[in-house]
Amino acid sequence: VCDLRPSASPGSFDVSRSMFDLRSPPHRFMKRYDSFSSVPSSTSSRKDSQGSNRSLDTITLSGDERDFGRLNVKLCYVSSVEQIWITVLHCKDLSWPSSCGENPRIYVKGILTLPKPVQFRSSAKEGCNDIEFMETFVFAIKLQSLQAVKVVFKIQTQTPRKKTIGECSLALRELSSEESSHWLDISPPSK
């Protein structure tokens, strides 16, 4: 637990963190979906603006249209103890530049945009299309601070070198004591 409330003495900012691994209990409510269509791409076609058919195999996406994947997170705010709970569940349909190698080690770095930003990070996992993290981070934070704060998630590679491959963010002003699940579209890292 990180206590972000102002302490009595200015120099005694003590930060500790607690992570809970949620992999062990059975997750019957979670389903895994494949990103592959049931129709083979060789038999699929679509009409372009001129009306001719093109195989989906020939359609390439520019950098702006490329899908970077989505991040699934759950959040809740326990007002009785002034704690925010952030659970990083998994990245789906994740893609990364070829310069990062075939299976880079990937982790999620979170930043709470407080006046003094607070950072946390998941453990690193081997890069694949669907990476499960299942890690929860708990921070003590005053309710009024949530109004102007957002959490930024940066998807980063650990190997071969540290690099941000995408990011997404979520405003915290709508949080309640009821846990909410969010699917965030990962965008290219901001310059």
N, C-alpha and C. Protein backbone atom coordinates (compact mmCIF):
# COMPACT_ATOMS: atom_id res chain seq x y z
N VAL A 1 0.85 -1.18 0.00
CA VAL A 1 0.00 0.00 0.00
C VAL A 1 0.88 1.23 0.00
N CYS A 2 0.62 2.14 -0.89
CA CYS A 2 1.33 3.41 -0.91
C CYS A 2 0.44 4.45 -0.27
N ASP A 3 0.91 5.12 0.77
CA ASP A 3 0.13 6.16 1.41
C ASP A 3 0.52 7.49 0.80
N LEU A 4 -0.39 8.08 0.01
CA LEU A 4 -0.11 9.33 -0.69
C LEU A 4 -0.69 10.52 0.05
N ARG A 5 -1.26 10.27 1.22
CA ARG A 5 -1.80 11.39 2.00
C ARG A 5 -0.64 12.15 2.62
N PRO A 6 -0.79 13.47 2.80
CA PRO A 6 0.31 14.25 3.39
C PRO A 6 0.63 13.74 4.78
N SER A 7 1.90 13.54 5.09
CA SER A 7 2.31 13.05 6.39
C SER A 7 2.53 14.23 7.33
N ALA A 8 2.62 13.91 8.62
CA ALA A 8 2.76 14.97 9.63
C ALA A 8 4.06 15.73 9.45
N SER A 9 5.15 15.01 9.25
CA SER A 9 6.43 15.70 9.05
C SER A 9 6.79 15.65 7.58
N PRO A 10 7.17 16.80 6.98
CA PRO A 10 7.36 16.89 5.53
C PRO A 10 8.38 15.91 4.95
N GLY A 11 9.40 15.58 5.66
CA GLY A 11 10.46 14.74 5.08
C GLY A 11 10.23 13.26 5.23
N SER A 12 9.10 12.86 5.83
CA SER A 12 8.93 11.43 6.14
C SER A 12 7.97 10.76 5.17
N PHE A 13 8.22 10.88 3.88
CA PHE A 13 7.36 10.26 2.86
C PHE A 13 7.80 8.81 2.70
N ASP A 14 7.03 7.92 3.29
CA ASP A 14 7.38 6.50 3.29
C ASP A 14 6.49 5.78 2.29
N VAL A 15 7.08 5.16 1.29
CA VAL A 15 6.30 4.50 0.25
C VAL A 15 6.56 3.00 0.32
N SER A 16 5.48 2.26 0.44
CA SER A 16 5.61 0.81 0.33
C SER A 16 4.53 0.35 -0.64
N ARG A 17 4.67 -0.83 -1.15
CA ARG A 17 3.75 -1.28 -2.18
C ARG A 17 3.36 -2.73 -1.93
N SER A 18 2.14 -3.03 -2.25
CA SER A 18 1.68 -4.39 -2.09
C SER A 18 1.13 -4.88 -3.40
N MET A 19 1.56 -6.05 -3.85
CA MET A 19 1.03 -6.62 -5.09
C MET A 19 0.44 -7.98 -4.77
N PHE A 20 -0.69 -8.25 -5.35
CA PHE A 20 -1.34 -9.53 -5.14
C PHE A 20 -1.40 -10.25 -6.47
N ASP A 21 -0.97 -11.48 -6.49
CA ASP A 21 -0.98 -12.27 -7.72
C ASP A 21 -2.31 -13.00 -7.79
N LEU A 22 -3.10 -12.72 -8.83
CA LEU A 22 -4.43 -13.30 -8.95
C LEU A 22 -4.46 -14.51 -9.86
N ARG A 23 -3.30 -15.06 -10.20
CA ARG A 23 -3.28 -16.18 -11.14
C ARG A 23 -3.77 -17.47 -10.51
N SER A 24 -3.60 -17.64 -9.19
CA SER A 24 -3.87 -18.93 -8.59
C SER A 24 -5.35 -19.33 -8.54
N PRO A 25 -6.29 -18.41 -8.19
CA PRO A 25 -7.68 -18.88 -8.15
C PRO A 25 -8.21 -19.16 -9.54
N PRO A 26 -9.17 -20.07 -9.64
CA PRO A 26 -9.73 -20.36 -10.97
C PRO A 26 -10.55 -19.17 -11.46
N HIS A 27 -10.36 -18.78 -12.70
CA HIS A 27 -11.09 -17.64 -13.27
C HIS A 27 -12.11 -18.17 -14.26
N ARG A 28 -13.20 -18.72 -13.70
CA ARG A 28 -14.22 -19.29 -14.59
C ARG A 28 -14.93 -18.22 -15.39
N PHE A 29 -14.94 -16.98 -14.87
CA PHE A 29 -15.67 -15.92 -15.55
C PHE A 29 -14.87 -15.34 -16.71
N MET A 30 -13.62 -15.72 -16.86
CA MET A 30 -12.80 -15.16 -17.93
C MET A 30 -12.85 -16.07 -19.14
N LYS A 31 -13.05 -15.49 -20.30
CA LYS A 31 -13.03 -16.24 -21.54
C LYS A 31 -11.90 -15.73 -22.40
N ARG A 32 -11.32 -16.61 -23.16
CA ARG A 32 -10.27 -16.21 -24.07
C ARG A 32 -10.82 -16.25 -25.49
N TYR A 33 -10.66 -15.19 -26.20
CA TYR A 33 -11.16 -15.12 -27.56
C TYR A 33 -9.98 -15.07 -28.52
N ASP A 34 -10.07 -15.83 -29.59
CA ASP A 34 -9.03 -15.80 -30.59
C ASP A 34 -9.29 -14.64 -31.53
N SER A 35 -8.24 -14.02 -32.00
CA SER A 35 -8.41 -12.91 -32.92
C SER A 35 -8.54 -13.40 -34.36
N PHE A 36 -8.46 -14.71 -34.57
CA PHE A 36 -8.55 -15.24 -35.92
C PHE A 36 -10.00 -15.40 -36.34
N SER A 37 -10.30 -15.03 -37.54
CA SER A 37 -11.64 -15.20 -38.09
C SER A 37 -11.87 -16.67 -38.42
N SER A 38 -13.14 -17.08 -38.36
CA SER A 38 -13.44 -18.47 -38.72
C SER A 38 -13.39 -18.66 -40.23
N VAL A 39 -13.37 -17.56 -40.97
CA VAL A 39 -13.29 -17.65 -42.43
C VAL A 39 -11.84 -17.42 -42.84
N PRO A 40 -11.21 -18.36 -43.55
CA PRO A 40 -9.82 -18.15 -43.97
C PRO A 40 -9.70 -16.91 -44.85
N SER A 41 -8.61 -16.16 -44.66
CA SER A 41 -8.46 -14.91 -45.39
C SER A 41 -8.35 -15.13 -46.89
N SER A 42 -7.90 -16.30 -47.31
CA SER A 42 -7.75 -16.54 -48.74
C SER A 42 -9.10 -16.57 -49.44
N THR A 43 -10.17 -16.93 -48.69
CA THR A 43 -11.49 -16.97 -49.31
C THR A 43 -12.27 -15.68 -49.07
N SER A 44 -11.74 -14.80 -48.21
CA SER A 44 -12.43 -13.54 -47.93
C SER A 44 -12.02 -12.50 -48.96
N SER A 45 -12.94 -11.64 -49.29
CA SER A 45 -12.58 -10.54 -50.17
C SER A 45 -13.44 -9.34 -49.81
N ARG A 46 -12.99 -8.16 -50.18
CA ARG A 46 -13.82 -6.99 -49.96
C ARG A 46 -13.72 -6.06 -51.16
N LYS A 47 -14.75 -5.30 -51.40
CA LYS A 47 -14.74 -4.39 -52.54
C LYS A 47 -14.05 -3.10 -52.13
N ASP A 48 -13.13 -2.63 -52.96
CA ASP A 48 -12.51 -1.34 -52.68
C ASP A 48 -13.36 -0.24 -53.32
N SER A 49 -12.89 1.00 -53.27
CA SER A 49 -13.70 2.12 -53.75
C SER A 49 -14.00 2.03 -55.25
N GLN A 50 -13.21 1.30 -56.00
CA GLN A 50 -13.48 1.15 -57.43
C GLN A 50 -14.43 -0.03 -57.69
N GLY A 51 -14.77 -0.79 -56.68
CA GLY A 51 -15.70 -1.88 -56.85
C GLY A 51 -15.06 -3.22 -57.16
N SER A 52 -13.73 -3.29 -57.22
CA SER A 52 -13.10 -4.57 -57.52
C SER A 52 -12.81 -5.31 -56.22
N ASN A 53 -12.75 -6.62 -56.32
CA ASN A 53 -12.48 -7.43 -55.14
C ASN A 53 -10.98 -7.54 -54.90
N ARG A 54 -10.60 -7.44 -53.62
CA ARG A 54 -9.20 -7.66 -53.25
C ARG A 54 -9.16 -8.64 -52.10
N SER A 55 -8.20 -9.50 -52.11
CA SER A 55 -8.04 -10.43 -51.00
C SER A 55 -7.61 -9.65 -49.77
N LEU A 56 -8.06 -10.08 -48.60
CA LEU A 56 -7.66 -9.41 -47.36
C LEU A 56 -6.16 -9.54 -47.14
N ASP A 57 -5.52 -10.55 -47.76
CA ASP A 57 -4.09 -10.73 -47.59
C ASP A 57 -3.31 -9.55 -48.16
N THR A 58 -3.90 -8.84 -49.10
CA THR A 58 -3.16 -7.76 -49.77
C THR A 58 -3.37 -6.41 -49.11
N ILE A 59 -4.24 -6.37 -48.09
CA ILE A 59 -4.51 -5.08 -47.45
C ILE A 59 -3.47 -4.84 -46.36
N THR A 60 -2.76 -3.74 -46.47
CA THR A 60 -1.77 -3.40 -45.44
C THR A 60 -2.21 -2.12 -44.76
N LEU A 61 -1.88 -2.02 -43.49
CA LEU A 61 -2.29 -0.86 -42.72
C LEU A 61 -1.11 0.09 -42.55
N SER A 62 -1.41 1.36 -42.65
CA SER A 62 -0.36 2.34 -42.37
C SER A 62 -0.16 2.41 -40.86
N GLY A 63 0.83 3.11 -40.41
CA GLY A 63 1.15 3.20 -38.98
C GLY A 63 -0.01 3.69 -38.15
N ASP A 64 -0.78 4.66 -38.66
CA ASP A 64 -1.88 5.22 -37.88
C ASP A 64 -3.05 4.25 -37.74
N GLU A 65 -3.23 3.37 -38.74
CA GLU A 65 -4.37 2.47 -38.71
C GLU A 65 -4.05 1.16 -38.00
N ARG A 66 -2.76 0.91 -37.77
CA ARG A 66 -2.37 -0.38 -37.19
C ARG A 66 -2.95 -0.52 -35.79
N ASP A 67 -3.42 -1.71 -35.49
CA ASP A 67 -4.01 -1.98 -34.18
C ASP A 67 -2.88 -2.34 -33.21
N PHE A 68 -2.75 -1.57 -32.14
CA PHE A 68 -1.70 -1.83 -31.16
C PHE A 68 -2.17 -2.76 -30.06
N GLY A 69 -3.46 -3.09 -30.08
CA GLY A 69 -3.99 -3.98 -29.06
C GLY A 69 -4.81 -3.23 -28.03
N ARG A 70 -5.26 -3.99 -27.01
CA ARG A 70 -6.08 -3.40 -25.95
C ARG A 70 -5.59 -3.90 -24.60
N LEU A 71 -5.78 -3.06 -23.59
CA LEU A 71 -5.39 -3.41 -22.22
C LEU A 71 -6.64 -3.51 -21.37
N ASN A 72 -6.76 -4.60 -20.62
CA ASN A 72 -7.90 -4.81 -19.73
C ASN A 72 -7.47 -4.55 -18.30
N VAL A 73 -8.15 -3.59 -17.64
CA VAL A 73 -7.84 -3.26 -16.25
C VAL A 73 -9.14 -3.19 -15.45
N LYS A 74 -9.03 -3.40 -14.15
CA LYS A 74 -10.16 -3.22 -13.25
C LYS A 74 -9.75 -2.23 -12.17
N LEU A 75 -10.66 -1.33 -11.81
CA LEU A 75 -10.36 -0.33 -10.79
C LEU A 75 -11.52 -0.20 -9.82
N CYS A 76 -11.21 0.15 -8.58
CA CYS A 76 -12.24 0.55 -7.63
C CYS A 76 -11.61 1.44 -6.57
N TYR A 77 -12.47 2.24 -5.92
CA TYR A 77 -12.00 3.14 -4.86
C TYR A 77 -12.75 2.80 -3.59
N VAL A 78 -11.99 2.45 -2.55
CA VAL A 78 -12.60 2.10 -1.27
C VAL A 78 -12.52 3.34 -0.39
N SER A 79 -13.63 4.09 -0.35
CA SER A 79 -13.61 5.39 0.32
C SER A 79 -13.41 5.29 1.83
N SER A 80 -13.85 4.18 2.43
CA SER A 80 -13.73 4.04 3.89
C SER A 80 -12.27 4.06 4.34
N VAL A 81 -11.39 3.56 3.51
CA VAL A 81 -9.96 3.56 3.86
C VAL A 81 -9.14 4.42 2.89
N GLU A 82 -9.84 5.13 1.99
CA GLU A 82 -9.21 6.02 1.00
C GLU A 82 -8.12 5.30 0.21
N GLN A 83 -8.52 4.18 -0.39
CA GLN A 83 -7.57 3.39 -1.19
C GLN A 83 -8.10 3.20 -2.61
N ILE A 84 -7.20 3.27 -3.57
CA ILE A 84 -7.53 2.92 -4.95
C ILE A 84 -6.88 1.58 -5.25
N TRP A 85 -7.67 0.68 -5.85
CA TRP A 85 -7.20 -0.65 -6.23
C TRP A 85 -7.17 -0.70 -7.75
N ILE A 86 -6.01 -0.97 -8.31
CA ILE A 86 -5.83 -1.06 -9.76
C ILE A 86 -5.33 -2.46 -10.09
N THR A 87 -6.11 -3.19 -10.88
CA THR A 87 -5.72 -4.54 -11.29
C THR A 87 -5.44 -4.55 -12.79
N VAL A 88 -4.21 -4.90 -13.14
CA VAL A 88 -3.83 -5.04 -14.55
C VAL A 88 -4.09 -6.51 -14.91
N LEU A 89 -5.10 -6.73 -15.77
CA LEU A 89 -5.49 -8.10 -16.11
C LEU A 89 -4.68 -8.65 -17.28
N HIS A 90 -4.91 -8.10 -18.48
CA HIS A 90 -4.10 -8.58 -19.60
C HIS A 90 -4.15 -7.66 -20.81
N CYS A 91 -3.15 -7.86 -21.69
CA CYS A 91 -3.07 -7.18 -22.98
C CYS A 91 -3.56 -8.16 -24.03
N LYS A 92 -4.42 -7.69 -24.93
CA LYS A 92 -4.96 -8.56 -25.98
C LYS A 92 -4.61 -7.97 -27.34
N ASP A 93 -4.34 -8.85 -28.31
CA ASP A 93 -4.00 -8.44 -29.68
C ASP A 93 -2.82 -7.47 -29.71
N LEU A 94 -1.87 -7.68 -28.82
CA LEU A 94 -0.73 -6.77 -28.70
C LEU A 94 0.23 -6.94 -29.88
N SER A 95 0.70 -5.82 -30.40
CA SER A 95 1.73 -5.87 -31.45
C SER A 95 2.86 -4.94 -31.07
N TRP A 96 4.05 -5.22 -31.58
CA TRP A 96 5.22 -4.40 -31.27
C TRP A 96 6.10 -4.32 -32.50
N PRO A 97 6.97 -3.30 -32.57
CA PRO A 97 7.85 -3.16 -33.73
C PRO A 97 8.81 -4.33 -33.85
N SER A 98 9.18 -4.66 -35.09
CA SER A 98 10.10 -5.79 -35.31
C SER A 98 11.46 -5.53 -34.66
N SER A 99 11.79 -4.27 -34.43
CA SER A 99 13.07 -3.94 -33.80
C SER A 99 13.16 -4.47 -32.36
N CYS A 100 12.01 -4.82 -31.78
CA CYS A 100 12.00 -5.34 -30.40
C CYS A 100 12.25 -6.84 -30.35
N GLY A 101 12.36 -7.48 -31.53
CA GLY A 101 12.60 -8.93 -31.55
C GLY A 101 11.29 -9.70 -31.61
N GLU A 102 11.43 -11.03 -31.66
CA GLU A 102 10.24 -11.87 -31.83
C GLU A 102 9.43 -12.01 -30.54
N ASN A 103 10.09 -12.25 -29.42
CA ASN A 103 9.41 -12.42 -28.14
C ASN A 103 10.07 -11.58 -27.04
N PRO A 104 9.90 -10.27 -27.09
CA PRO A 104 10.51 -9.43 -26.06
C PRO A 104 9.82 -9.63 -24.72
N ARG A 105 10.49 -9.31 -23.64
CA ARG A 105 9.87 -9.31 -22.31
C ARG A 105 9.07 -8.02 -22.19
N ILE A 106 7.78 -8.13 -21.86
CA ILE A 106 6.88 -6.98 -21.86
C ILE A 106 6.27 -6.80 -20.48
N TYR A 107 6.16 -5.55 -20.04
CA TYR A 107 5.50 -5.24 -18.77
C TYR A 107 4.66 -3.97 -18.93
N VAL A 108 3.80 -3.74 -17.96
CA VAL A 108 2.95 -2.55 -17.96
C VAL A 108 3.42 -1.64 -16.83
N LYS A 109 3.73 -0.39 -17.20
CA LYS A 109 4.13 0.61 -16.21
C LYS A 109 2.97 1.57 -16.04
N GLY A 110 2.55 1.80 -14.80
CA GLY A 110 1.45 2.71 -14.52
C GLY A 110 1.96 3.97 -13.85
N ILE A 111 1.30 5.08 -14.15
CA ILE A 111 1.66 6.37 -13.53
C ILE A 111 0.38 7.07 -13.08
N LEU A 112 0.28 7.35 -11.78
CA LEU A 112 -0.81 8.18 -11.28
C LEU A 112 -0.36 9.63 -11.37
N THR A 113 -1.11 10.45 -12.12
CA THR A 113 -0.67 11.81 -12.43
C THR A 113 -0.99 12.79 -11.30
N LEU A 114 -0.49 12.51 -10.12
CA LEU A 114 -0.60 13.40 -8.97
C LEU A 114 0.46 14.49 -9.11
N PRO A 115 0.37 15.57 -8.29
CA PRO A 115 1.43 16.59 -8.36
C PRO A 115 2.82 15.98 -8.23
N LYS A 116 2.94 14.97 -7.36
CA LYS A 116 4.18 14.18 -7.31
C LYS A 116 3.81 12.80 -7.87
N PRO A 117 4.07 12.56 -9.18
CA PRO A 117 3.58 11.32 -9.82
C PRO A 117 4.03 10.06 -9.08
N VAL A 118 3.13 9.10 -9.05
CA VAL A 118 3.42 7.81 -8.41
C VAL A 118 3.44 6.75 -9.51
N GLN A 119 4.50 5.94 -9.53
CA GLN A 119 4.67 4.94 -10.57
C GLN A 119 4.60 3.54 -9.98
N PHE A 120 4.13 2.61 -10.79
CA PHE A 120 4.14 1.19 -10.43
C PHE A 120 4.32 0.39 -11.71
N ARG A 121 4.72 -0.85 -11.58
CA ARG A 121 4.90 -1.67 -12.78
C ARG A 121 4.62 -3.13 -12.50
N SER A 122 4.13 -3.80 -13.52
CA SER A 122 3.85 -5.23 -13.41
C SER A 122 5.15 -6.00 -13.59
N SER A 123 5.07 -7.29 -13.37
CA SER A 123 6.22 -8.13 -13.68
C SER A 123 6.30 -8.29 -15.21
N ALA A 124 7.48 -8.62 -15.71
CA ALA A 124 7.68 -8.76 -17.15
C ALA A 124 7.29 -10.16 -17.60
N LYS A 125 6.60 -10.21 -18.75
CA LYS A 125 6.16 -11.48 -19.31
C LYS A 125 6.70 -11.62 -20.73
N GLU A 126 6.79 -12.86 -21.19
CA GLU A 126 7.24 -13.09 -22.56
C GLU A 126 6.18 -12.58 -23.53
N GLY A 127 6.64 -11.80 -24.53
CA GLY A 127 5.72 -11.18 -25.48
C GLY A 127 4.96 -12.19 -26.31
N CYS A 128 3.63 -12.02 -26.36
CA CYS A 128 2.78 -12.84 -27.22
C CYS A 128 1.52 -12.03 -27.50
N ASN A 129 0.61 -12.62 -28.26
CA ASN A 129 -0.60 -11.92 -28.69
C ASN A 129 -1.51 -11.58 -27.51
N ASP A 130 -1.53 -12.40 -26.49
CA ASP A 130 -2.42 -12.22 -25.34
C ASP A 130 -1.62 -12.50 -24.07
N ILE A 131 -1.26 -11.44 -23.35
CA ILE A 131 -0.41 -11.59 -22.17
C ILE A 131 -1.23 -11.38 -20.91
N GLU A 132 -1.24 -12.36 -20.02
CA GLU A 132 -1.95 -12.23 -18.75
C GLU A 132 -0.99 -11.71 -17.68
N PHE A 133 -1.45 -10.67 -16.95
CA PHE A 133 -0.64 -10.14 -15.85
C PHE A 133 -1.27 -10.48 -14.50
N MET A 134 -2.55 -10.19 -14.32
CA MET A 134 -3.29 -10.52 -13.09
C MET A 134 -2.59 -10.00 -11.84
N GLU A 135 -2.27 -8.71 -11.84
CA GLU A 135 -1.60 -8.13 -10.68
C GLU A 135 -2.36 -6.90 -10.19
N THR A 136 -2.48 -6.77 -8.87
CA THR A 136 -3.22 -5.67 -8.26
C THR A 136 -2.28 -4.76 -7.49
N PHE A 137 -2.52 -3.46 -7.63
CA PHE A 137 -1.72 -2.43 -6.95
C PHE A 137 -2.67 -1.59 -6.12
N VAL A 138 -2.28 -1.32 -4.88
CA VAL A 138 -3.14 -0.59 -3.96
C VAL A 138 -2.41 0.67 -3.47
N PHE A 139 -3.12 1.81 -3.56
CA PHE A 139 -2.53 3.08 -3.11
C PHE A 139 -3.53 3.82 -2.24
N ALA A 140 -3.04 4.47 -1.20
CA ALA A 140 -3.89 5.33 -0.37
C ALA A 140 -3.88 6.71 -1.01
N ILE A 141 -5.08 7.23 -1.30
CA ILE A 141 -5.18 8.52 -1.97
C ILE A 141 -6.50 9.17 -1.57
N LYS A 142 -6.49 10.45 -1.26
CA LYS A 142 -7.70 11.15 -0.82
C LYS A 142 -8.71 11.27 -1.96
N LEU A 143 -9.98 11.19 -1.61
CA LEU A 143 -11.05 11.22 -2.59
C LEU A 143 -11.01 12.47 -3.46
N GLN A 144 -10.77 13.64 -2.84
CA GLN A 144 -10.77 14.89 -3.63
C GLN A 144 -9.61 14.92 -4.64
N SER A 145 -8.55 14.17 -4.38
CA SER A 145 -7.42 14.12 -5.31
C SER A 145 -7.79 13.39 -6.59
N LEU A 146 -8.78 12.48 -6.52
CA LEU A 146 -9.15 11.69 -7.69
C LEU A 146 -9.76 12.53 -8.80
N GLN A 147 -10.36 13.67 -8.45
CA GLN A 147 -11.07 14.48 -9.44
C GLN A 147 -10.19 14.92 -10.60
N ALA A 148 -8.93 15.19 -10.32
CA ALA A 148 -8.04 15.72 -11.38
C ALA A 148 -6.95 14.73 -11.79
N VAL A 149 -7.05 13.50 -11.30
CA VAL A 149 -5.98 12.53 -11.54
C VAL A 149 -6.41 11.51 -12.60
N LYS A 150 -5.46 11.08 -13.41
CA LYS A 150 -5.71 9.95 -14.31
C LYS A 150 -4.57 8.96 -14.11
N VAL A 151 -4.81 7.75 -14.57
CA VAL A 151 -3.75 6.76 -14.54
C VAL A 151 -3.34 6.49 -15.99
N VAL A 152 -2.05 6.59 -16.24
CA VAL A 152 -1.49 6.34 -17.57
C VAL A 152 -0.81 4.98 -17.54
N PHE A 153 -1.14 4.15 -18.52
CA PHE A 153 -0.51 2.84 -18.63
C PHE A 153 0.42 2.85 -19.84
N LYS A 154 1.68 2.52 -19.62
CA LYS A 154 2.65 2.42 -20.71
C LYS A 154 3.03 0.96 -20.87
N ILE A 155 2.88 0.44 -22.08
CA ILE A 155 3.29 -0.94 -22.36
C ILE A 155 4.73 -0.86 -22.85
N GLN A 156 5.63 -1.50 -22.11
CA GLN A 156 7.06 -1.35 -22.39
C GLN A 156 7.74 -2.70 -22.55
N THR A 157 8.82 -2.69 -23.34
CA THR A 157 9.64 -3.89 -23.47
C THR A 157 10.83 -3.78 -22.51
N GLN A 158 11.21 -4.90 -21.95
CA GLN A 158 12.36 -4.94 -21.05
C GLN A 158 13.60 -5.39 -21.83
N THR A 159 13.37 -6.28 -22.79
CA THR A 159 14.46 -6.80 -23.61
C THR A 159 14.09 -6.66 -25.08
N PRO A 160 14.97 -6.47 -26.00
CA PRO A 160 16.42 -6.37 -25.80
C PRO A 160 16.83 -5.06 -25.12
N ARG A 161 15.97 -4.01 -25.20
CA ARG A 161 16.25 -2.79 -24.44
C ARG A 161 14.91 -2.17 -24.06
N LYS A 162 14.94 -1.30 -23.06
CA LYS A 162 13.72 -0.67 -22.58
C LYS A 162 13.14 0.26 -23.64
N LYS A 163 11.86 0.03 -23.98
CA LYS A 163 11.22 0.85 -25.00
C LYS A 163 9.72 0.86 -24.77
N THR A 164 9.08 2.03 -24.91
CA THR A 164 7.62 2.11 -24.80
C THR A 164 7.02 1.79 -26.16
N ILE A 165 6.18 0.76 -26.23
CA ILE A 165 5.59 0.37 -27.52
C ILE A 165 4.15 0.86 -27.67
N GLY A 166 3.55 1.32 -26.58
CA GLY A 166 2.19 1.84 -26.66
C GLY A 166 1.74 2.35 -25.31
N GLU A 167 0.64 3.11 -25.30
CA GLU A 167 0.15 3.64 -24.04
C GLU A 167 -1.36 3.90 -24.12
N CYS A 168 -1.97 4.02 -22.95
CA CYS A 168 -3.39 4.36 -22.84
C CYS A 168 -3.60 4.97 -21.45
N SER A 169 -4.72 5.63 -21.25
CA SER A 169 -4.95 6.28 -19.95
C SER A 169 -6.42 6.24 -19.59
N LEU A 170 -6.70 6.52 -18.33
CA LEU A 170 -8.06 6.48 -17.81
C LEU A 170 -8.20 7.52 -16.71
N ALA A 171 -9.22 8.39 -16.81
CA ALA A 171 -9.49 9.38 -15.76
C ALA A 171 -10.11 8.66 -14.57
N LEU A 172 -9.77 9.11 -13.36
CA LEU A 172 -10.21 8.42 -12.15
C LEU A 172 -11.42 9.06 -11.48
N ARG A 173 -11.94 10.16 -12.02
CA ARG A 173 -13.02 10.88 -11.33
C ARG A 173 -14.32 10.08 -11.26
N GLU A 174 -14.49 9.08 -12.15
CA GLU A 174 -15.73 8.30 -12.16
C GLU A 174 -15.67 7.05 -11.28
N LEU A 175 -14.56 6.85 -10.58
CA LEU A 175 -14.42 5.62 -9.80
C LEU A 175 -15.42 5.55 -8.66
N SER A 176 -15.83 4.32 -8.34
CA SER A 176 -16.70 4.11 -7.19
C SER A 176 -16.22 2.88 -6.44
N SER A 177 -16.93 2.55 -5.37
CA SER A 177 -16.52 1.39 -4.58
C SER A 177 -16.84 0.08 -5.31
N GLU A 178 -17.66 0.17 -6.35
CA GLU A 178 -17.94 -1.01 -7.16
C GLU A 178 -16.86 -1.16 -8.21
N GLU A 179 -16.25 -2.32 -8.25
CA GLU A 179 -15.16 -2.55 -9.20
C GLU A 179 -15.65 -2.42 -10.63
N SER A 180 -14.92 -1.66 -11.44
CA SER A 180 -15.30 -1.48 -12.84
C SER A 180 -14.20 -2.02 -13.74
N SER A 181 -14.63 -2.67 -14.84
CA SER A 181 -13.68 -3.24 -15.79
C SER A 181 -13.61 -2.34 -17.01
N HIS A 182 -12.41 -2.14 -17.54
CA HIS A 182 -12.21 -1.24 -18.68
C HIS A 182 -11.32 -1.92 -19.73
N TRP A 183 -11.72 -1.76 -21.00
CA TRP A 183 -10.88 -2.17 -22.13
C TRP A 183 -10.35 -0.90 -22.76
N LEU A 184 -9.05 -0.68 -22.68
CA LEU A 184 -8.46 0.55 -23.18
C LEU A 184 -7.70 0.27 -24.48
N ASP A 185 -7.97 1.05 -25.50
CA ASP A 185 -7.23 0.91 -26.77
C ASP A 185 -5.83 1.46 -26.60
N ILE A 186 -4.85 0.66 -26.97
CA ILE A 186 -3.44 1.08 -26.86
C ILE A 186 -3.09 1.91 -28.08
N SER A 187 -2.53 3.09 -27.84
CA SER A 187 -2.13 4.00 -28.91
C SER A 187 -0.61 4.02 -29.02
N PRO A 188 -0.10 4.53 -30.17
CA PRO A 188 1.35 4.68 -30.26
C PRO A 188 1.84 5.60 -29.15
N PRO A 189 3.06 5.41 -28.66
CA PRO A 189 3.57 6.27 -27.58
C PRO A 189 3.62 7.72 -28.02
N SER A 190 3.27 8.64 -27.11
CA SER A 190 3.32 10.06 -27.45
C SER A 190 4.77 10.49 -27.59
N LYS A 191 5.01 11.41 -28.51
CA LYS A 191 6.38 11.86 -28.78
C LYS A 191 6.91 12.69 -27.61
